[in-house]
Amino acid sequence: DRPGHDLRYAIDATKIEKELGWKPAETFATGIRKTVAWYLENKQWWQNIQNNKYRQERLGIG
């Protein structure tokens, strides 16, 4: 709602780790690295969106 106040939306996974034994598969660092790599490897996808050529269809639905 206000610029610079995003910290209040951060997730604290301590409770879910303790009660369910869940641990995230990625750290923020590895997740952001993989995300950036994906965007670099899939330029055609995001360039189509950027150039308003995305057909907005669902993929993988039979």
C-alpha atoms as a PDB file:
ATOM      1  CA  ASP A   1       0.000   0.000   0.000  1.00  0.00           C
ATOM      2  CA  ARG A   2       2.926   2.375   0.623  1.00  0.00           C
ATOM      3  CA  PRO A   3       6.253   2.274  -1.194  1.00  0.00           C
ATOM      4  CA  GLY A   4       8.982   0.750   0.947  1.00  0.00           C
ATOM      5  CA  HIS A   5       6.665  -1.112   3.331  1.00  0.00           C
ATOM      6  CA  ASP A   6       6.991  -4.566   1.724  1.00  0.00           C
ATOM      7  CA  LEU A   7       8.696  -6.111   4.762  1.00  0.00           C
ATOM      8  CA  ARG A   8       5.368  -6.504   6.483  1.00  0.00           C
ATOM      9  CA  TYR A   9       4.349  -8.968   3.759  1.00  0.00           C
ATOM     10  CA  ALA A  10       7.337 -11.259   4.296  1.00  0.00           C
ATOM     11  CA  ILE A  11       6.527 -14.854   5.192  1.00  0.00           C
ATOM     12  CA  ASP A  12       7.896 -16.390   8.368  1.00  0.00           C
ATOM     13  CA  ALA A  13       7.924 -20.139   7.717  1.00  0.00           C
ATOM     14  CA  THR A  14       9.009 -21.009  11.273  1.00  0.00           C
ATOM     15  CA  LYS A  15       5.569 -22.254  12.361  1.00  0.00           C
ATOM     16  CA  ILE A  16       4.975 -24.439   9.308  1.00  0.00           C
ATOM     17  CA  GLU A  17       8.512 -25.853   9.622  1.00  0.00           C
ATOM     18  CA  LYS A  18       7.987 -26.685  13.293  1.00  0.00           C
ATOM     19  CA  GLU A  19       4.438 -28.052  13.066  1.00  0.00           C
ATOM     20  CA  LEU A  20       4.534 -29.822   9.689  1.00  0.00           C
ATOM     21  CA  GLY A  21       8.231 -30.379   9.102  1.00  0.00           C
ATOM     22  CA  TRP A  22       8.050 -28.417   5.846  1.00  0.00           C
ATOM     23  CA  LYS A  23      11.166 -26.732   4.558  1.00  0.00           C
ATOM     24  CA  PRO A  24      11.369 -24.615   1.412  1.00  0.00           C
ATOM     25  CA  ALA A  25      13.077 -26.307  -1.530  1.00  0.00           C
ATOM     26  CA  GLU A  26      14.868 -23.079  -2.428  1.00  0.00           C
ATOM     27  CA  THR A  27      16.479 -20.231  -0.578  1.00  0.00           C
ATOM     28  CA  PHE A  28      15.723 -16.742  -1.792  1.00  0.00           C
ATOM     29  CA  ALA A  29      19.175 -16.613  -3.428  1.00  0.00           C
ATOM     30  CA  THR A  30      18.804 -19.889  -5.344  1.00  0.00           C
ATOM     31  CA  GLY A  31      15.196 -19.146  -6.238  1.00  0.00           C
ATOM     32  CA  ILE A  32      15.943 -15.706  -7.668  1.00  0.00           C
ATOM     33  CA  ARG A  33      18.947 -17.124  -9.557  1.00  0.00           C
ATOM     34  CA  LYS A  34      16.749 -19.814 -11.151  1.00  0.00           C
ATOM     35  CA  THR A  35      14.013 -17.293 -11.925  1.00  0.00           C
ATOM     36  CA  VAL A  36      16.418 -14.936 -13.701  1.00  0.00           C
ATOM     37  CA  ALA A  37      17.930 -17.878 -15.611  1.00  0.00           C
ATOM     38  CA  TRP A  38      14.443 -18.968 -16.731  1.00  0.00           C
ATOM     39  CA  TYR A  39      13.604 -15.504 -18.043  1.00  0.00           C
ATOM     40  CA  LEU A  40      16.932 -15.321 -19.880  1.00  0.00           C
ATOM     41  CA  GLU A  41      16.302 -18.753 -21.445  1.00  0.00           C
ATOM     42  CA  ASN A  42      12.709 -17.883 -22.431  1.00  0.00           C
ATOM     43  CA  LYS A  43      13.078 -14.432 -23.972  1.00  0.00           C
ATOM     44  CA  GLN A  44      10.565 -15.176 -26.741  1.00  0.00           C
ATOM     45  CA  TRP A  45       7.841 -15.757 -24.152  1.00  0.00           C
ATOM     46  CA  TRP A  46       8.259 -12.469 -22.300  1.00  0.00           C
ATOM     47  CA  GLN A  47       9.109 -10.463 -25.406  1.00  0.00           C
ATOM     48  CA  ASN A  48       5.772 -11.519 -26.917  1.00  0.00           C
ATOM     49  CA  ILE A  49       4.016 -10.241 -23.802  1.00  0.00           C
ATOM     50  CA  GLN A  50       6.043  -7.039 -23.853  1.00  0.00           C
ATOM     51  CA  ASN A  51       5.183  -6.495 -27.533  1.00  0.00           C
ATOM     52  CA  ASN A  52       1.476  -7.242 -26.930  1.00  0.00           C
ATOM     53  CA  LYS A  53       1.618 -10.431 -29.024  1.00  0.00           C
ATOM     54  CA  TYR A  54       0.639 -12.813 -26.232  1.00  0.00           C
ATOM     55  CA  ARG A  55      -2.579 -14.626 -27.131  1.00  0.00           C
ATOM     56  CA  GLN A  56      -3.633 -15.077 -23.489  1.00  0.00           C
ATOM     57  CA  GLU A  57      -4.587 -18.699 -24.041  1.00  0.00           C
ATOM     58  CA  ARG A  58      -4.178 -21.452 -21.507  1.00  0.00           C
ATOM     59  CA  LEU A  59      -1.549 -23.991 -22.439  1.00  0.00           C
ATOM     60  CA  GLY A  60      -1.518 -27.663 -21.542  1.00  0.00           C
ATOM     61  CA  ILE A  61      -5.287 -28.055 -21.366  1.00  0.00           C
ATOM     62  CA  GLY A  62      -6.488 -31.032 -23.408  1.00  0.00           C
END
